[in-house]
Amino acid sequence: MQANSANSSSQSNPRSGAIDCSNPQTQQEMNQCAAQGYENADRELQAMYQQMQGQMSDNARSQLETAQKEWVEFRTAECHLEAKANEGGSMYPTVLYRCMERVTRDRMKQLQEQVNVKRQIVN
């Protein structure tokens, strides 16, 4: 799931008043910064995933693809559930995207642990 509501970035045109995501001042800025955080985490996860695929056998790659597809469905459902209490409110995007970022970063840790275990077995 890609975040479409946060096309603005903290690197935007200085004339447009770039958002300082270390200190957002409005709910809209919080929403945009939360979406950026998720998008960054998702890009990092995709890079890790691609790297892992290149180092796997066909069978292991197939298992990873299946697990990742199911994990994406879990992440989406889990975070929509977590944000449900804010549905329709201005905080909904912030709660949703913060959850998406957190769960994505947790997945990165899980995948890194698998890589570390494999390295230990090989060495």
C-alpha atoms as a PDB file:
ATOM      1  CA  MET A   1       0.000   0.000   0.000  1.00  0.00           C
ATOM      2  CA  GLN A   2       1.531   3.264  -1.055  1.00  0.00           C
ATOM      3  CA  ALA A   3       0.763   6.521   0.661  1.00  0.00           C
ATOM      4  CA  ASN A   4      -0.645   9.000  -1.816  1.00  0.00           C
ATOM      5  CA  SER A   5      -1.616  11.721   0.610  1.00  0.00           C
ATOM      6  CA  ALA A   6       1.938  12.807   1.314  1.00  0.00           C
ATOM      7  CA  ASN A   7       3.381  13.954  -1.948  1.00  0.00           C
ATOM      8  CA  SER A   8       5.022  16.882  -0.176  1.00  0.00           C
ATOM      9  CA  SER A   9       8.402  16.182   1.278  1.00  0.00           C
ATOM     10  CA  SER A  10      10.641  17.934   3.715  1.00  0.00           C
ATOM     11  CA  GLN A  11      12.899  18.496   0.696  1.00  0.00           C
ATOM     12  CA  SER A  12      10.275  20.573  -1.105  1.00  0.00           C
ATOM     13  CA  ASN A  13      10.790  24.002  -2.612  1.00  0.00           C
ATOM     14  CA  PRO A  14      11.969  26.426   0.101  1.00  0.00           C
ATOM     15  CA  ARG A  15       9.425  28.976  -1.087  1.00  0.00           C
ATOM     16  CA  SER A  16       6.604  26.567  -0.355  1.00  0.00           C
ATOM     17  CA  GLY A  17       7.529  26.359   3.339  1.00  0.00           C
ATOM     18  CA  ALA A  18       9.149  22.965   3.769  1.00  0.00           C
ATOM     19  CA  ILE A  19       7.850  20.908   6.651  1.00  0.00           C
ATOM     20  CA  ASP A  20      10.206  20.286   9.543  1.00  0.00           C
ATOM     21  CA  CYS A  21       9.256  16.727  10.438  1.00  0.00           C
ATOM     22  CA  SER A  22      11.293  16.925  13.627  1.00  0.00           C
ATOM     23  CA  ASN A  23       8.732  19.468  14.872  1.00  0.00           C
ATOM     24  CA  PRO A  24       5.471  19.462  12.864  1.00  0.00           C
ATOM     25  CA  GLN A  25       3.169  22.327  13.859  1.00  0.00           C
ATOM     26  CA  THR A  26      -0.233  21.319  12.482  1.00  0.00           C
ATOM     27  CA  GLN A  27      -2.214  18.121  12.132  1.00  0.00           C
ATOM     28  CA  GLN A  28      -1.742  18.288   8.372  1.00  0.00           C
ATOM     29  CA  GLU A  29       2.032  18.463   8.863  1.00  0.00           C
ATOM     30  CA  MET A  30       1.872  15.548  11.316  1.00  0.00           C
ATOM     31  CA  ASN A  31      -0.078  13.556   8.739  1.00  0.00           C
ATOM     32  CA  GLN A  32       2.419  14.384   5.999  1.00  0.00           C
ATOM     33  CA  CYS A  33       5.410  13.560   8.181  1.00  0.00           C
ATOM     34  CA  ALA A  34       3.869  10.261   9.297  1.00  0.00           C
ATOM     35  CA  ALA A  35       3.253   9.352   5.650  1.00  0.00           C
ATOM     36  CA  GLN A  36       6.849  10.269   4.771  1.00  0.00           C
ATOM     37  CA  GLY A  37       8.131   8.108   7.615  1.00  0.00           C
ATOM     38  CA  TYR A  38       6.132   5.156   6.343  1.00  0.00           C
ATOM     39  CA  GLU A  39       7.179   5.726   2.725  1.00  0.00           C
ATOM     40  CA  ASN A  40      10.851   5.846   3.763  1.00  0.00           C
ATOM     41  CA  ALA A  41      10.509   2.637   5.779  1.00  0.00           C
ATOM     42  CA  ASP A  42       8.697   0.930   2.905  1.00  0.00           C
ATOM     43  CA  ARG A  43      11.463   1.889   0.441  1.00  0.00           C
ATOM     44  CA  GLU A  44      14.075   0.522   2.854  1.00  0.00           C
ATOM     45  CA  LEU A  45      12.118  -2.711   3.244  1.00  0.00           C
ATOM     46  CA  GLN A  46      11.781  -3.100  -0.522  1.00  0.00           C
ATOM     47  CA  ALA A  47      15.537  -2.653  -0.946  1.00  0.00           C
ATOM     48  CA  MET A  48      16.213  -5.260   1.735  1.00  0.00           C
ATOM     49  CA  TYR A  49      13.670  -7.620   0.194  1.00  0.00           C
ATOM     50  CA  GLN A  50      15.221  -7.272  -3.280  1.00  0.00           C
ATOM     51  CA  GLN A  51      18.694  -7.902  -1.884  1.00  0.00           C
ATOM     52  CA  MET A  52      17.515 -11.010  -0.042  1.00  0.00           C
ATOM     53  CA  GLN A  53      15.807 -12.384  -3.140  1.00  0.00           C
ATOM     54  CA  GLY A  54      19.040 -12.130  -5.083  1.00  0.00           C
ATOM     55  CA  GLN A  55      20.791 -14.349  -2.548  1.00  0.00           C
ATOM     56  CA  MET A  56      18.205 -17.128  -2.366  1.00  0.00           C
ATOM     57  CA  SER A  57      17.476 -20.374  -4.097  1.00  0.00           C
ATOM     58  CA  ASP A  58      14.328 -20.515  -6.230  1.00  0.00           C
ATOM     59  CA  ASN A  59      12.474 -22.452  -3.509  1.00  0.00           C
ATOM     60  CA  ALA A  60      13.477 -20.042  -0.744  1.00  0.00           C
ATOM     61  CA  ARG A  61      12.629 -17.039  -2.964  1.00  0.00           C
ATOM     62  CA  SER A  62       9.167 -18.463  -3.597  1.00  0.00           C
ATOM     63  CA  GLN A  63       8.613 -18.952   0.140  1.00  0.00           C
ATOM     64  CA  LEU A  64       9.781 -15.398   0.844  1.00  0.00           C
ATOM     65  CA  GLU A  65       7.453 -13.993  -1.822  1.00  0.00           C
ATOM     66  CA  THR A  66       4.500 -15.857  -0.306  1.00  0.00           C
ATOM     67  CA  ALA A  67       5.396 -14.777   3.226  1.00  0.00           C
ATOM     68  CA  GLN A  68       5.904 -11.162   2.153  1.00  0.00           C
ATOM     69  CA  LYS A  69       2.589 -11.020   0.307  1.00  0.00           C
ATOM     70  CA  GLU A  70       0.770 -12.357   3.365  1.00  0.00           C
ATOM     71  CA  TRP A  71       2.709 -10.015   5.646  1.00  0.00           C
ATOM     72  CA  VAL A  72       1.671  -6.976   3.557  1.00  0.00           C
ATOM     73  CA  GLU A  73      -1.960  -8.026   3.952  1.00  0.00           C
ATOM     74  CA  PHE A  74      -1.432  -8.435   7.709  1.00  0.00           C
ATOM     75  CA  ARG A  75       0.249  -5.011   8.017  1.00  0.00           C
ATOM     76  CA  THR A  76      -2.566  -3.296   6.174  1.00  0.00           C
ATOM     77  CA  ALA A  77      -5.295  -4.973   8.219  1.00  0.00           C
ATOM     78  CA  GLU A  78      -3.447  -4.515  11.525  1.00  0.00           C
ATOM     79  CA  CYS A  79      -2.856  -0.814  11.004  1.00  0.00           C
ATOM     80  CA  HIS A  80      -6.350  -0.093   9.756  1.00  0.00           C
ATOM     81  CA  LEU A  81      -7.623  -1.791  12.900  1.00  0.00           C
ATOM     82  CA  GLU A  82      -5.277   0.252  15.083  1.00  0.00           C
ATOM     83  CA  ALA A  83      -6.398   3.495  13.414  1.00  0.00           C
ATOM     84  CA  LYS A  84     -10.105   2.548  13.453  1.00  0.00           C
ATOM     85  CA  ALA A  85     -10.878   4.613  16.558  1.00  0.00           C
ATOM     86  CA  ASN A  86      -9.739   7.720  14.655  1.00  0.00           C
ATOM     87  CA  GLU A  87     -11.588   6.940  11.430  1.00  0.00           C
ATOM     88  CA  GLY A  88     -13.084  10.076   9.934  1.00  0.00           C
ATOM     89  CA  GLY A  89     -10.945  12.321  12.110  1.00  0.00           C
ATOM     90  CA  SER A  90      -7.952  14.437  11.241  1.00  0.00           C
ATOM     91  CA  MET A  91      -5.617  12.173  13.246  1.00  0.00           C
ATOM     92  CA  TYR A  92      -6.498   9.049  11.268  1.00  0.00           C
ATOM     93  CA  PRO A  93      -3.658   9.397   8.721  1.00  0.00           C
ATOM     94  CA  THR A  94      -1.069  10.022  11.450  1.00  0.00           C
ATOM     95  CA  VAL A  95      -2.147   6.979  13.459  1.00  0.00           C
ATOM     96  CA  LEU A  96      -2.364   4.814  10.341  1.00  0.00           C
ATOM     97  CA  TYR A  97       1.005   5.802   8.884  1.00  0.00           C
ATOM     98  CA  ARG A  98       2.840   5.644  12.195  1.00  0.00           C
ATOM     99  CA  CYS A  99       1.551   2.106  12.616  1.00  0.00           C
ATOM    100  CA  MET A 100       2.534   1.253   9.034  1.00  0.00           C
ATOM    101  CA  GLU A 101       6.041   2.596   9.648  1.00  0.00           C
ATOM    102  CA  ARG A 102       6.409   0.769  12.974  1.00  0.00           C
ATOM    103  CA  VAL A 103       5.195  -2.567  11.618  1.00  0.00           C
ATOM    104  CA  THR A 104       7.358  -2.165   8.504  1.00  0.00           C
ATOM    105  CA  ARG A 105      10.457  -1.481  10.600  1.00  0.00           C
ATOM    106  CA  ASP A 106       9.595  -4.516  12.758  1.00  0.00           C
ATOM    107  CA  ARG A 107       9.461  -6.611   9.576  1.00  0.00           C
ATOM    108  CA  MET A 108      12.877  -5.306   8.562  1.00  0.00           C
ATOM    109  CA  LYS A 109      14.247  -6.473  11.919  1.00  0.00           C
ATOM    110  CA  GLN A 110      12.676  -9.908  11.397  1.00  0.00           C
ATOM    111  CA  LEU A 111      14.191 -10.254   7.952  1.00  0.00           C
ATOM    112  CA  GLN A 112      17.587  -9.070   9.197  1.00  0.00           C
ATOM    113  CA  GLU A 113      17.476 -11.698  11.945  1.00  0.00           C
ATOM    114  CA  GLN A 114      16.853 -14.358   9.285  1.00  0.00           C
ATOM    115  CA  VAL A 115      19.847 -13.110   7.306  1.00  0.00           C
ATOM    116  CA  ASN A 116      21.996 -13.185  10.460  1.00  0.00           C
ATOM    117  CA  VAL A 117      20.937 -16.747  11.291  1.00  0.00           C
ATOM    118  CA  LYS A 118      21.711 -17.866   7.749  1.00  0.00           C
ATOM    119  CA  ARG A 119      25.172 -16.290   7.977  1.00  0.00           C
ATOM    120  CA  GLN A 120      25.835 -18.087  11.257  1.00  0.00           C
ATOM    121  CA  ILE A 121      24.823 -21.413   9.761  1.00  0.00           C
ATOM    122  CA  VAL A 122      26.995 -20.887   6.666  1.00  0.00           C
ATOM    123  CA  ASN A 123      30.020 -19.790   8.691  1.00  0.00           C
END
